[in-house]
Amino acid sequence: MELALWIVTGLLALVFLVSGLTKTFQSRARLRDSGMTYVEDFPAVGIKAIGLLEILGGLGLVLPPIFDSRTEIVPAAAVGLALLMAGAVVVHVRRREPFVVPLVLAVLALLLAVLRLDAYAL
């Protein structure tokens, strides 16, 4: 079970780190041209903030257990990412765009939060 949990955690962290780095370091125009048309609804600083939150959340999923310190951050990071993805679902639904990917990421992040909360229970 622990191995499966680490696989899900690692994959989620990787997805959020790559997505966050992309949003943080690419221009709004380049993001739009690559298919992220929702960026039209946000100012550039908002896109950078979302990217930064994704990076921090992704790191919050893996760094505490790796260093065996402050493991209570993991469920909090997972819930934060789930909330971020819930917001993404709302944006995509309003724009009549596909929303399955952020919905799946939100559900996986919530599942991870519950499982990690149980694993780190005192």
PDB file of N, CA and C in Angstrom:
ATOM      1  N   MET A   1       0.828  -1.202   0.000  1.00  0.00           N
ATOM      2  CA  MET A   1       0.000   0.000   0.000  1.00  0.00           C
ATOM      3  C   MET A   1       0.866   1.258   0.000  1.00  0.00           C
ATOM      4  N   GLU A   2       1.932   1.231   0.778  1.00  0.00           N
ATOM      5  CA  GLU A   2       2.813   2.397   0.851  1.00  0.00           C
ATOM      6  C   GLU A   2       3.450   2.693  -0.509  1.00  0.00           C
ATOM      7  N   LEU A   3       3.819   1.640  -1.238  1.00  0.00           N
ATOM      8  CA  LEU A   3       4.414   1.847  -2.562  1.00  0.00           C
ATOM      9  C   LEU A   3       3.409   2.502  -3.514  1.00  0.00           C
ATOM     10  N   ALA A   4       2.175   2.024  -3.497  1.00  0.00           N
ATOM     11  CA  ALA A   4       1.133   2.606  -4.359  1.00  0.00           C
ATOM     12  C   ALA A   4       0.901   4.071  -3.996  1.00  0.00           C
ATOM     13  N   LEU A   5       0.917   4.362  -2.703  1.00  0.00           N
ATOM     14  CA  LEU A   5       0.729   5.733  -2.245  1.00  0.00           C
ATOM     15  C   LEU A   5       1.868   6.628  -2.726  1.00  0.00           C
ATOM     16  N   TRP A   6       3.089   6.123  -2.680  1.00  0.00           N
ATOM     17  CA  TRP A   6       4.231   6.886  -3.165  1.00  0.00           C
ATOM     18  C   TRP A   6       4.174   7.090  -4.674  1.00  0.00           C
ATOM     19  N   ILE A   7       3.691   6.097  -5.400  1.00  0.00           N
ATOM     20  CA  ILE A   7       3.575   6.239  -6.855  1.00  0.00           C
ATOM     21  C   ILE A   7       2.585   7.337  -7.195  1.00  0.00           C
ATOM     22  N   VAL A   8       1.411   7.307  -6.558  1.00  0.00           N
ATOM     23  CA  VAL A   8       0.402   8.347  -6.797  1.00  0.00           C
ATOM     24  C   VAL A   8       0.947   9.711  -6.386  1.00  0.00           C
ATOM     25  N   THR A   9       1.596   9.764  -5.231  1.00  0.00           N
ATOM     26  CA  THR A   9       2.161  11.028  -4.746  1.00  0.00           C
ATOM     27  C   THR A   9       3.198  11.566  -5.723  1.00  0.00           C
ATOM     28  N   GLY A  10       4.093  10.708  -6.168  1.00  0.00           N
ATOM     29  CA  GLY A  10       5.142  11.128  -7.096  1.00  0.00           C
ATOM     30  C   GLY A  10       4.591  11.616  -8.420  1.00  0.00           C
ATOM     31  N   LEU A  11       3.601  10.896  -8.939  1.00  0.00           N
ATOM     32  CA  LEU A  11       3.007  11.307 -10.213  1.00  0.00           C
ATOM     33  C   LEU A  11       2.260  12.630 -10.084  1.00  0.00           C
ATOM     34  N   LEU A  12       1.499  12.772  -9.002  1.00  0.00           N
ATOM     35  CA  LEU A  12       0.800  14.045  -8.785  1.00  0.00           C
ATOM     36  C   LEU A  12       1.796  15.190  -8.633  1.00  0.00           C
ATOM     37  N   ALA A  13       2.831  14.970  -7.853  1.00  0.00           N
ATOM     38  CA  ALA A  13       3.840  16.008  -7.656  1.00  0.00           C
ATOM     39  C   ALA A  13       4.484  16.386  -8.987  1.00  0.00           C
ATOM     40  N   LEU A  14       4.799  15.398  -9.799  1.00  0.00           N
ATOM     41  CA  LEU A  14       5.419  15.662 -11.099  1.00  0.00           C
ATOM     42  C   LEU A  14       4.491  16.480 -11.997  1.00  0.00           C
ATOM     43  N   VAL A  15       3.222  16.084 -12.053  1.00  0.00           N
ATOM     44  CA  VAL A  15       2.246  16.819 -12.875  1.00  0.00           C
ATOM     45  C   VAL A  15       2.157  18.274 -12.423  1.00  0.00           C
ATOM     46  N   PHE A  16       2.038  18.480 -11.111  1.00  0.00           N
ATOM     47  CA  PHE A  16       1.885  19.854 -10.622  1.00  0.00           C
ATOM     48  C   PHE A  16       3.174  20.653 -10.762  1.00  0.00           C
ATOM     49  N   LEU A  17       4.324  20.020 -10.580  1.00  0.00           N
ATOM     50  CA  LEU A  17       5.576  20.749 -10.753  1.00  0.00           C
ATOM     51  C   LEU A  17       5.768  21.185 -12.199  1.00  0.00           C
ATOM     52  N   VAL A  18       5.531  20.279 -13.137  1.00  0.00           N
ATOM     53  CA  VAL A  18       5.694  20.628 -14.552  1.00  0.00           C
ATOM     54  C   VAL A  18       4.685  21.703 -14.957  1.00  0.00           C
ATOM     55  N   SER A  19       3.440  21.527 -14.551  1.00  0.00           N
ATOM     56  CA  SER A  19       2.406  22.507 -14.873  1.00  0.00           C
ATOM     57  C   SER A  19       2.729  23.867 -14.249  1.00  0.00           C
ATOM     58  N   GLY A  20       3.159  23.853 -13.017  1.00  0.00           N
ATOM     59  CA  GLY A  20       3.498  25.100 -12.334  1.00  0.00           C
ATOM     60  C   GLY A  20       4.690  25.797 -12.951  1.00  0.00           C
ATOM     61  N   LEU A  21       5.712  25.042 -13.296  1.00  0.00           N
ATOM     62  CA  LEU A  21       6.891  25.637 -13.927  1.00  0.00           C
ATOM     63  C   LEU A  21       6.531  26.225 -15.289  1.00  0.00           C
ATOM     64  N   THR A  22       5.669  25.521 -16.012  1.00  0.00           N
ATOM     65  CA  THR A  22       5.226  26.030 -17.315  1.00  0.00           C
ATOM     66  C   THR A  22       4.506  27.358 -17.152  1.00  0.00           C
ATOM     67  N   LYS A  23       3.567  27.417 -16.222  1.00  0.00           N
ATOM     68  CA  LYS A  23       2.802  28.653 -16.028  1.00  0.00           C
ATOM     69  C   LYS A  23       3.679  29.786 -15.486  1.00  0.00           C
ATOM     70  N   THR A  24       4.666  29.437 -14.692  1.00  0.00           N
ATOM     71  CA  THR A  24       5.513  30.455 -14.080  1.00  0.00           C
ATOM     72  C   THR A  24       6.513  31.054 -15.060  1.00  0.00           C
ATOM     73  N   PHE A  25       7.042  30.232 -15.963  1.00  0.00           N
ATOM     74  CA  PHE A  25       8.152  30.708 -16.785  1.00  0.00           C
ATOM     75  C   PHE A  25       7.825  30.925 -18.264  1.00  0.00           C
ATOM     76  N   GLN A  26       6.604  30.602 -18.686  1.00  0.00           N
ATOM     77  CA  GLN A  26       6.233  30.889 -20.068  1.00  0.00           C
ATOM     78  C   GLN A  26       5.309  32.103 -20.096  1.00  0.00           C
ATOM     79  N   SER A  27       5.369  32.817 -21.184  1.00  0.00           N
ATOM     80  CA  SER A  27       4.519  33.999 -21.312  1.00  0.00           C
ATOM     81  C   SER A  27       3.059  33.586 -21.477  1.00  0.00           C
ATOM     82  N   ARG A  28       2.190  34.514 -21.152  1.00  0.00           N
ATOM     83  CA  ARG A  28       0.750  34.281 -21.299  1.00  0.00           C
ATOM     84  C   ARG A  28       0.401  33.957 -22.752  1.00  0.00           C
ATOM     85  N   ALA A  29       1.025  34.673 -23.685  1.00  0.00           N
ATOM     86  CA  ALA A  29       0.766  34.447 -25.109  1.00  0.00           C
ATOM     87  C   ALA A  29       1.208  33.041 -25.525  1.00  0.00           C
ATOM     88  N   ARG A  30       2.345  32.623 -25.040  1.00  0.00           N
ATOM     89  CA  ARG A  30       2.837  31.283 -25.386  1.00  0.00           C
ATOM     90  C   ARG A  30       1.947  30.197 -24.789  1.00  0.00           C
ATOM     91  N   LEU A  31       1.473  30.414 -23.575  1.00  0.00           N
ATOM     92  CA  LEU A  31       0.547  29.465 -22.961  1.00  0.00           C
ATOM     93  C   LEU A  31      -0.738  29.371 -23.781  1.00  0.00           C
ATOM     94  N   ARG A  32      -1.262  30.528 -24.178  1.00  0.00           N
ATOM     95  CA  ARG A  32      -2.484  30.561 -24.994  1.00  0.00           C
ATOM     96  C   ARG A  32      -2.262  29.830 -26.315  1.00  0.00           C
ATOM     97  N   ASP A  33      -1.130  30.090 -26.944  1.00  0.00           N
ATOM     98  CA  ASP A  33      -0.835  29.458 -28.230  1.00  0.00           C
ATOM     99  C   ASP A  33      -0.633  27.951 -28.104  1.00  0.00           C
ATOM    100  N   SER A  34      -0.250  27.491 -26.924  1.00  0.00           N
ATOM    101  CA  SER A  34      -0.042  26.049 -26.720  1.00  0.00           C
ATOM    102  C   SER A  34      -1.338  25.321 -26.358  1.00  0.00           C
ATOM    103  N   GLY A  35      -2.458  26.061 -26.329  1.00  0.00           N
ATOM    104  CA  GLY A  35      -3.740  25.418 -26.075  1.00  0.00           C
ATOM    105  C   GLY A  35      -4.385  25.772 -24.751  1.00  0.00           C
ATOM    106  N   MET A  36      -3.696  26.504 -23.913  1.00  0.00           N
ATOM    107  CA  MET A  36      -4.265  26.915 -22.628  1.00  0.00           C
ATOM    108  C   MET A  36      -5.038  28.215 -22.815  1.00  0.00           C
ATOM    109  N   THR A  37      -6.145  28.125 -23.533  1.00  0.00           N
ATOM    110  CA  THR A  37      -6.897  29.329 -23.896  1.00  0.00           C
ATOM    111  C   THR A  37      -7.541  30.014 -22.703  1.00  0.00           C
ATOM    112  N   TYR A  38      -7.678  29.300 -21.596  1.00  0.00           N
ATOM    113  CA  TYR A  38      -8.290  29.906 -20.405  1.00  0.00           C
ATOM    114  C   TYR A  38      -7.461  31.056 -19.854  1.00  0.00           C
ATOM    115  N   VAL A  39      -6.196  31.147 -20.226  1.00  0.00           N
ATOM    116  CA  VAL A  39      -5.353  32.228 -19.706  1.00  0.00           C
ATOM    117  C   VAL A  39      -5.874  33.596 -20.128  1.00  0.00           C
ATOM    118  N   GLU A  40      -6.721  33.618 -21.157  1.00  0.00           N
ATOM    119  CA  GLU A  40      -7.329  34.878 -21.584  1.00  0.00           C
ATOM    120  C   GLU A  40      -8.186  35.495 -20.478  1.00  0.00           C
ATOM    121  N   ASP A  41      -8.661  34.651 -19.552  1.00  0.00           N
ATOM    122  CA  ASP A  41      -9.526  35.126 -18.468  1.00  0.00           C
ATOM    123  C   ASP A  41      -8.755  35.640 -17.258  1.00  0.00           C
ATOM    124  N   PHE A  42      -7.433  35.549 -17.280  1.00  0.00           N
ATOM    125  CA  PHE A  42      -6.621  35.906 -16.117  1.00  0.00           C
ATOM    126  C   PHE A  42      -5.508  36.864 -16.512  1.00  0.00           C
ATOM    127  N   PRO A  43      -5.147  37.771 -15.609  1.00  0.00           N
ATOM    128  CA  PRO A  43      -3.970  38.609 -15.873  1.00  0.00           C
ATOM    129  C   PRO A  43      -2.704  37.755 -15.755  1.00  0.00           C
ATOM    130  N   ALA A  44      -1.624  38.233 -16.341  1.00  0.00           N
ATOM    131  CA  ALA A  44      -0.359  37.483 -16.332  1.00  0.00           C
ATOM    132  C   ALA A  44       0.079  37.154 -14.907  1.00  0.00           C
ATOM    133  N   VAL A  45      -0.083  38.108 -13.988  1.00  0.00           N
ATOM    134  CA  VAL A  45       0.337  37.864 -12.605  1.00  0.00           C
ATOM    135  C   VAL A  45      -0.516  36.756 -11.966  1.00  0.00           C
ATOM    136  N   GLY A  46      -1.774  36.655 -12.363  1.00  0.00           N
ATOM    137  CA  GLY A  46      -2.633  35.593 -11.852  1.00  0.00           C
ATOM    138  C   GLY A  46      -2.175  34.222 -12.322  1.00  0.00           C
ATOM    139  N   ILE A  47      -1.766  34.142 -13.582  1.00  0.00           N
ATOM    140  CA  ILE A  47      -1.254  32.869 -14.117  1.00  0.00           C
ATOM    141  C   ILE A  47       0.027  32.479 -13.390  1.00  0.00           C
ATOM    142  N   LYS A  48       0.904  33.447 -13.158  1.00  0.00           N
ATOM    143  CA  LYS A  48       2.158  33.179 -12.430  1.00  0.00           C
ATOM    144  C   LYS A  48       1.859  32.724 -10.997  1.00  0.00           C
ATOM    145  N   ALA A  49       0.861  33.327 -10.372  1.00  0.00           N
ATOM    146  CA  ALA A  49       0.484  32.937  -9.008  1.00  0.00           C
ATOM    147  C   ALA A  49      -0.046  31.505  -8.973  1.00  0.00           C
ATOM    148  N   ILE A  50      -0.865  31.145  -9.950  1.00  0.00           N
ATOM    149  CA  ILE A  50      -1.365  29.769 -10.031  1.00  0.00           C
ATOM    150  C   ILE A  50      -0.191  28.811 -10.206  1.00  0.00           C
ATOM    151  N   GLY A  51       0.734  29.177 -11.071  1.00  0.00           N
ATOM    152  CA  GLY A  51       1.921  28.339 -11.280  1.00  0.00           C
ATOM    153  C   GLY A  51       2.728  28.167 -10.010  1.00  0.00           C
ATOM    154  N   LEU A  52       2.920  29.245  -9.278  1.00  0.00           N
ATOM    155  CA  LEU A  52       3.670  29.176  -8.030  1.00  0.00           C
ATOM    156  C   LEU A  52       2.957  28.290  -7.007  1.00  0.00           C
ATOM    157  N   LEU A  53       1.635  28.409  -6.926  1.00  0.00           N
ATOM    158  CA  LEU A  53       0.870  27.552  -6.012  1.00  0.00           C
ATOM    159  C   LEU A  53       1.009  26.076  -6.390  1.00  0.00           C
ATOM    160  N   GLU A  54       1.004  25.791  -7.690  1.00  0.00           N
ATOM    161  CA  GLU A  54       1.178  24.408  -8.127  1.00  0.00           C
ATOM    162  C   GLU A  54       2.571  23.880  -7.777  1.00  0.00           C
ATOM    163  N   ILE A  55       3.580  24.710  -7.940  1.00  0.00           N
ATOM    164  CA  ILE A  55       4.950  24.299  -7.580  1.00  0.00           C
ATOM    165  C   ILE A  55       5.037  24.024  -6.081  1.00  0.00           C
ATOM    166  N   LEU A  56       4.546  24.953  -5.282  1.00  0.00           N
ATOM    167  CA  LEU A  56       4.596  24.773  -3.829  1.00  0.00           C
ATOM    168  C   LEU A  56       3.805  23.549  -3.384  1.00  0.00           C
ATOM    169  N   GLY A  57       2.635  23.342  -3.993  1.00  0.00           N
ATOM    170  CA  GLY A  57       1.828  22.177  -3.661  1.00  0.00           C
ATOM    171  C   GLY A  57       2.529  20.877  -4.032  1.00  0.00           C
ATOM    172  N   GLY A  58       3.113  20.842  -5.217  1.00  0.00           N
ATOM    173  CA  GLY A  58       3.843  19.647  -5.649  1.00  0.00           C
ATOM    174  C   GLY A  58       5.011  19.325  -4.730  1.00  0.00           C
ATOM    175  N   LEU A  59       5.754  20.358  -4.343  1.00  0.00           N
ATOM    176  CA  LEU A  59       6.857  20.150  -3.399  1.00  0.00           C
ATOM    177  C   LEU A  59       6.342  19.732  -2.028  1.00  0.00           C
ATOM    178  N   GLY A  60       5.203  20.286  -1.630  1.00  0.00           N
ATOM    179  CA  GLY A  60       4.606  19.940  -0.338  1.00  0.00           C
ATOM    180  C   GLY A  60       4.124  18.504  -0.267  1.00  0.00           C
ATOM    181  N   LEU A  61       3.903  17.889  -1.411  1.00  0.00           N
ATOM    182  CA  LEU A  61       3.493  16.483  -1.419  1.00  0.00           C
ATOM    183  C   LEU A  61       4.663  15.538  -1.148  1.00  0.00           C
ATOM    184  N   VAL A  62       5.859  15.900  -1.603  1.00  0.00           N
ATOM    185  CA  VAL A  62       6.973  14.946  -1.541  1.00  0.00           C
ATOM    186  C   VAL A  62       8.091  15.297  -0.559  1.00  0.00           C
ATOM    187  N   LEU A  63       8.367  16.571  -0.364  1.00  0.00           N
ATOM    188  CA  LEU A  63       9.515  16.917   0.481  1.00  0.00           C
ATOM    189  C   LEU A  63       9.355  16.539   1.956  1.00  0.00           C
ATOM    190  N   PRO A  64       8.209  16.807   2.591  1.00  0.00           N
ATOM    191  CA  PRO A  64       8.107  16.440   4.009  1.00  0.00           C
ATOM    192  C   PRO A  64       8.335  14.950   4.289  1.00  0.00           C
ATOM    193  N   PRO A  65       7.723  14.029   3.527  1.00  0.00           N
ATOM    194  CA  PRO A  65       8.006  12.620   3.825  1.00  0.00           C
ATOM    195  C   PRO A  65       9.435  12.211   3.481  1.00  0.00           C
ATOM    196  N   ILE A  66      10.017  12.826   2.455  1.00  0.00           N
ATOM    197  CA  ILE A  66      11.403  12.488   2.105  1.00  0.00           C
ATOM    198  C   ILE A  66      12.333  12.841   3.253  1.00  0.00           C
ATOM    199  N   PHE A  67      12.107  14.010   3.854  1.00  0.00           N
ATOM    200  CA  PHE A  67      12.957  14.449   4.958  1.00  0.00           C
ATOM    201  C   PHE A  67      12.411  14.049   6.325  1.00  0.00           C
ATOM    202  N   ASP A  68      11.285  13.329   6.328  1.00  0.00           N
ATOM    203  CA  ASP A  68      10.636  12.857   7.557  1.00  0.00           C
ATOM    204  C   ASP A  68      10.472  14.002   8.560  1.00  0.00           C
ATOM    205  N   SER A  69       9.955  15.101   8.044  1.00  0.00           N
ATOM    206  CA  SER A  69       9.768  16.287   8.873  1.00  0.00           C
ATOM    207  C   SER A  69       8.506  17.011   8.441  1.00  0.00           C
ATOM    208  N   ARG A  70       7.727  17.443   9.403  1.00  0.00           N
ATOM    209  CA  ARG A  70       6.508  18.216   9.138  1.00  0.00           C
ATOM    210  C   ARG A  70       5.585  17.501   8.146  1.00  0.00           C
ATOM    211  N   THR A  71       5.368  16.211   8.362  1.00  0.00           N
ATOM    212  CA  THR A  71       4.557  15.421   7.441  1.00  0.00           C
ATOM    213  C   THR A  71       3.094  15.860   7.404  1.00  0.00           C
ATOM    214  N   GLU A  72       2.668  16.661   8.363  1.00  0.00           N
ATOM    215  CA  GLU A  72       1.293  17.165   8.332  1.00  0.00           C
ATOM    216  C   GLU A  72       1.076  18.135   7.177  1.00  0.00           C
ATOM    217  N   ILE A  73       2.162  18.585   6.563  1.00  0.00           N
ATOM    218  CA  ILE A  73       2.052  19.469   5.411  1.00  0.00           C
ATOM    219  C   ILE A  73       1.489  18.728   4.199  1.00  0.00           C
ATOM    220  N   VAL A  74       1.743  17.432   4.105  1.00  0.00           N
ATOM    221  CA  VAL A  74       1.322  16.667   2.927  1.00  0.00           C
ATOM    222  C   VAL A  74      -0.194  16.716   2.717  1.00  0.00           C
ATOM    223  N   PRO A  75      -1.018  16.363   3.718  1.00  0.00           N
ATOM    224  CA  PRO A  75      -2.463  16.464   3.484  1.00  0.00           C
ATOM    225  C   PRO A  75      -2.918  17.897   3.201  1.00  0.00           C
ATOM    226  N   ALA A  76      -2.278  18.868   3.852  1.00  0.00           N
ATOM    227  CA  ALA A  76      -2.644  20.275   3.611  1.00  0.00           C
ATOM    228  C   ALA A  76      -2.316  20.669   2.169  1.00  0.00           C
ATOM    229  N   ALA A  77      -1.154  20.254   1.679  1.00  0.00           N
ATOM    230  CA  ALA A  77      -0.782  20.546   0.295  1.00  0.00           C
ATOM    231  C   ALA A  77      -1.742  19.861  -0.674  1.00  0.00           C
ATOM    232  N   ALA A  78      -2.112  18.630  -0.372  1.00  0.00           N
ATOM    233  CA  ALA A  78      -3.037  17.895  -1.240  1.00  0.00           C
ATOM    234  C   ALA A  78      -4.410  18.564  -1.279  1.00  0.00           C
ATOM    235  N   VAL A  79      -4.899  19.016  -0.141  1.00  0.00           N
ATOM    236  CA  VAL A  79      -6.191  19.715  -0.105  1.00  0.00           C
ATOM    237  C   VAL A  79      -6.086  21.030  -0.871  1.00  0.00           C
ATOM    238  N   GLY A  80      -4.995  21.742  -0.699  1.00  0.00           N
ATOM    239  CA  GLY A  80      -4.801  22.996  -1.436  1.00  0.00           C
ATOM    240  C   GLY A  80      -4.802  22.777  -2.943  1.00  0.00           C
ATOM    241  N   LEU A  81      -4.125  21.725  -3.386  1.00  0.00           N
ATOM    242  CA  LEU A  81      -4.113  21.415  -4.815  1.00  0.00           C
ATOM    243  C   LEU A  81      -5.498  20.994  -5.300  1.00  0.00           C
ATOM    244  N   ALA A  82      -6.223  20.246  -4.477  1.00  0.00           N
ATOM    245  CA  ALA A  82      -7.585  19.842  -4.845  1.00  0.00           C
ATOM    246  C   ALA A  82      -8.473  21.072  -5.007  1.00  0.00           C
ATOM    247  N   LEU A  83      -8.340  22.037  -4.106  1.00  0.00           N
ATOM    248  CA  LEU A  83      -9.125  23.274  -4.213  1.00  0.00           C
ATOM    249  C   LEU A  83      -8.746  24.066  -5.465  1.00  0.00           C
ATOM    250  N   LEU A  84      -7.459  24.096  -5.758  1.00  0.00           N
ATOM    251  CA  LEU A  84      -6.994  24.777  -6.964  1.00  0.00           C
ATOM    252  C   LEU A  84      -7.596  24.120  -8.212  1.00  0.00           C
ATOM    253  N   MET A  85      -7.632  22.796  -8.221  1.00  0.00           N
ATOM    254  CA  MET A  85      -8.205  22.072  -9.359  1.00  0.00           C
ATOM    255  C   MET A  85      -9.723  22.217  -9.410  1.00  0.00           C
ATOM    256  N   ALA A  86     -10.367  22.342  -8.272  1.00  0.00           N
ATOM    257  CA  ALA A  86     -11.813  22.599  -8.263  1.00  0.00           C
ATOM    258  C   ALA A  86     -12.088  23.945  -8.943  1.00  0.00           C
ATOM    259  N   GLY A  87     -11.243  24.920  -8.654  1.00  0.00           N
ATOM    260  CA  GLY A  87     -11.360  26.204  -9.333  1.00  0.00           C
ATOM    261  C   GLY A  87     -11.128  26.076 -10.826  1.00  0.00           C
ATOM    262  N   ALA A  88     -10.172  25.227 -11.207  1.00  0.00           N
ATOM    263  CA  ALA A  88      -9.901  24.996 -12.631  1.00  0.00           C
ATOM    264  C   ALA A  88     -11.108  24.352 -13.314  1.00  0.00           C
ATOM    265  N   VAL A  89     -11.764  23.426 -12.621  1.00  0.00           N
ATOM    266  CA  VAL A  89     -12.967  22.799 -13.184  1.00  0.00           C
ATOM    267  C   VAL A  89     -14.024  23.862 -13.453  1.00  0.00           C
ATOM    268  N   VAL A  90     -14.229  24.758 -12.495  1.00  0.00           N
ATOM    269  CA  VAL A  90     -15.228  25.820 -12.662  1.00  0.00           C
ATOM    270  C   VAL A  90     -14.891  26.691 -13.869  1.00  0.00           C
ATOM    271  N   VAL A  91     -13.632  27.072 -13.999  1.00  0.00           N
ATOM    272  CA  VAL A  91     -13.214  27.912 -15.127  1.00  0.00           C
ATOM    273  C   VAL A  91     -13.494  27.196 -16.448  1.00  0.00           C
ATOM    274  N   HIS A  92     -13.102  25.927 -16.528  1.00  0.00           N
ATOM    275  CA  HIS A  92     -13.281  25.189 -17.778  1.00  0.00           C
ATOM    276  C   HIS A  92     -14.758  24.949 -18.095  1.00  0.00           C
ATOM    277  N   VAL A  93     -15.567  24.677 -17.089  1.00  0.00           N
ATOM    278  CA  VAL A  93     -17.003  24.483 -17.319  1.00  0.00           C
ATOM    279  C   VAL A  93     -17.623  25.781 -17.832  1.00  0.00           C
ATOM    280  N   ARG A  94     -17.281  26.896 -17.224  1.00  0.00           N
ATOM    281  CA  ARG A  94     -17.815  28.190 -17.674  1.00  0.00           C
ATOM    282  C   ARG A  94     -17.412  28.509 -19.106  1.00  0.00           C
ATOM    283  N   ARG A  95     -16.217  28.083 -19.480  1.00  0.00           N
ATOM    284  CA  ARG A  95     -15.727  28.342 -20.839  1.00  0.00           C
ATOM    285  C   ARG A  95     -16.170  27.254 -21.823  1.00  0.00           C
ATOM    286  N   ARG A  96     -16.915  26.289 -21.326  1.00  0.00           N
ATOM    287  CA  ARG A  96     -17.371  25.147 -22.138  1.00  0.00           C
ATOM    288  C   ARG A  96     -16.186  24.409 -22.755  1.00  0.00           C
ATOM    289  N   GLU A  97     -15.159  24.202 -21.940  1.00  0.00           N
ATOM    290  CA  GLU A  97     -13.967  23.463 -22.340  1.00  0.00           C
ATOM    291  C   GLU A  97     -13.944  22.136 -21.590  1.00  0.00           C
ATOM    292  N   PRO A  98     -13.154  21.176 -22.069  1.00  0.00           N
ATOM    293  CA  PRO A  98     -13.035  19.904 -21.349  1.00  0.00           C
ATOM    294  C   PRO A  98     -12.494  20.145 -19.938  1.00  0.00           C
ATOM    295  N   PHE A  99     -13.083  19.452 -18.963  1.00  0.00           N
ATOM    296  CA  PHE A  99     -12.693  19.661 -17.568  1.00  0.00           C
ATOM    297  C   PHE A  99     -12.323  18.370 -16.852  1.00  0.00           C
ATOM    298  N   VAL A 100     -12.210  17.275 -17.579  1.00  0.00           N
ATOM    299  CA  VAL A 100     -11.964  15.979 -16.950  1.00  0.00           C
ATOM    300  C   VAL A 100     -10.600  15.924 -16.266  1.00  0.00           C
ATOM    301  N   VAL A 101      -9.565  16.450 -16.898  1.00  0.00           N
ATOM    302  CA  VAL A 101      -8.217  16.368 -16.312  1.00  0.00           C
ATOM    303  C   VAL A 101      -8.147  17.067 -14.956  1.00  0.00           C
ATOM    304  N   PRO A 102      -8.590  18.335 -14.837  1.00  0.00           N
ATOM    305  CA  PRO A 102      -8.526  18.937 -13.502  1.00  0.00           C
ATOM    306  C   PRO A 102      -9.446  18.242 -12.495  1.00  0.00           C
ATOM    307  N   LEU A 103     -10.553  17.694 -12.957  1.00  0.00           N
ATOM    308  CA  LEU A 103     -11.447  16.970 -12.056  1.00  0.00           C
ATOM    309  C   LEU A 103     -10.758  15.717 -11.519  1.00  0.00           C
ATOM    310  N   VAL A 104     -10.105  14.966 -12.379  1.00  0.00           N
ATOM    311  CA  VAL A 104      -9.385  13.766 -11.946  1.00  0.00           C
ATOM    312  C   VAL A 104      -8.250  14.139 -10.994  1.00  0.00           C
ATOM    313  N   LEU A 105      -7.521  15.204 -11.304  1.00  0.00           N
ATOM    314  CA  LEU A 105      -6.437  15.645 -10.423  1.00  0.00           C
ATOM    315  C   LEU A 105      -6.978  16.063  -9.056  1.00  0.00           C
ATOM    316  N   ALA A 106      -8.125  16.723  -9.036  1.00  0.00           N
ATOM    317  CA  ALA A 106      -8.738  17.137  -7.769  1.00  0.00           C
ATOM    318  C   ALA A 106      -9.126  15.920  -6.941  1.00  0.00           C
ATOM    319  N   VAL A 107      -9.740  14.932  -7.572  1.00  0.00           N
ATOM    320  CA  VAL A 107     -10.150  13.717  -6.856  1.00  0.00           C
ATOM    321  C   VAL A 107      -8.926  12.961  -6.331  1.00  0.00           C
ATOM    322  N   LEU A 108      -7.899  12.828  -7.156  1.00  0.00           N
ATOM    323  CA  LEU A 108      -6.674  12.150  -6.708  1.00  0.00           C
ATOM    324  C   LEU A 108      -6.007  12.900  -5.554  1.00  0.00           C
ATOM    325  N   ALA A 109      -5.978  14.211  -5.637  1.00  0.00           N
ATOM    326  CA  ALA A 109      -5.378  14.998  -4.558  1.00  0.00           C
ATOM    327  C   ALA A 109      -6.168  14.838  -3.261  1.00  0.00           C
ATOM    328  N   LEU A 110      -7.498  14.832  -3.348  1.00  0.00           N
ATOM    329  CA  LEU A 110      -8.312  14.610  -2.142  1.00  0.00           C
ATOM    330  C   LEU A 110      -8.101  13.214  -1.577  1.00  0.00           C
ATOM    331  N   LEU A 111      -8.044  12.223  -2.452  1.00  0.00           N
ATOM    332  CA  LEU A 111      -7.777  10.853  -2.010  1.00  0.00           C
ATOM    333  C   LEU A 111      -6.425  10.783  -1.306  1.00  0.00           C
ATOM    334  N   LEU A 112      -5.432  11.410  -1.888  1.00  0.00           N
ATOM    335  CA  LEU A 112      -4.109  11.429  -1.273  1.00  0.00           C
ATOM    336  C   LEU A 112      -4.145  12.126   0.083  1.00  0.00           C
ATOM    337  N   ALA A 113      -4.887  13.217   0.193  1.00  0.00           N
ATOM    338  CA  ALA A 113      -4.995  13.928   1.470  1.00  0.00           C
ATOM    339  C   ALA A 113      -5.575  13.015   2.539  1.00  0.00           C
ATOM    340  N   VAL A 114      -6.628  12.293   2.190  1.00  0.00           N
ATOM    341  CA  VAL A 114      -7.260  11.390   3.162  1.00  0.00           C
ATOM    342  C   VAL A 114      -6.309  10.261   3.544  1.00  0.00           C
ATOM    343  N   LEU A 115      -5.674   9.651   2.561  1.00  0.00           N
ATOM    344  CA  LEU A 115      -4.777   8.531   2.850  1.00  0.00           C
ATOM    345  C   LEU A 115      -3.545   8.963   3.631  1.00  0.00           C
ATOM    346  N   ARG A 116      -2.994  10.120   3.290  1.00  0.00           N
ATOM    347  CA  ARG A 116      -1.821  10.611   4.024  1.00  0.00           C
ATOM    348  C   ARG A 116      -2.193  11.100   5.417  1.00  0.00           C
ATOM    349  N   LEU A 117      -3.369  11.659   5.574  1.00  0.00           N
ATOM    350  CA  LEU A 117      -3.813  12.067   6.892  1.00  0.00           C
ATOM    351  C   LEU A 117      -3.917  10.845   7.798  1.00  0.00           C
ATOM    352  N   ASP A 118      -4.447   9.770   7.255  1.00  0.00           N
ATOM    353  CA  ASP A 118      -4.550   8.528   8.003  1.00  0.00           C
ATOM    354  C   ASP A 118      -3.163   7.943   8.300  1.00  0.00           C
ATOM    355  N   ALA A 119      -2.269   8.003   7.329  1.00  0.00           N
ATOM    356  CA  ALA A 119      -0.920   7.448   7.503  1.00  0.00           C
ATOM    357  C   ALA A 119      -0.105   8.223   8.539  1.00  0.00           C
ATOM    358  N   TYR A 120      -0.342   9.533   8.636  1.00  0.00           N
ATOM    359  CA  TYR A 120       0.422  10.353   9.555  1.00  0.00           C
ATOM    360  C   TYR A 120      -0.342  10.681  10.842  1.00  0.00           C
ATOM    361  N   ALA A 121      -1.465  10.006  11.048  1.00  0.00           N
ATOM    362  CA  ALA A 121      -2.255  10.251  12.261  1.00  0.00           C
ATOM    363  C   ALA A 121      -1.423   9.920  13.494  1.00  0.00           C
ATOM    364  N   LEU A 122      -1.590  10.727  14.502  1.00  0.00           N
ATOM    365  CA  LEU A 122      -0.818  10.515  15.748  1.00  0.00           C
ATOM    366  C   LEU A 122      -1.417   9.435  16.596  1.00  0.00           C
TER     367      LEU A 122
END
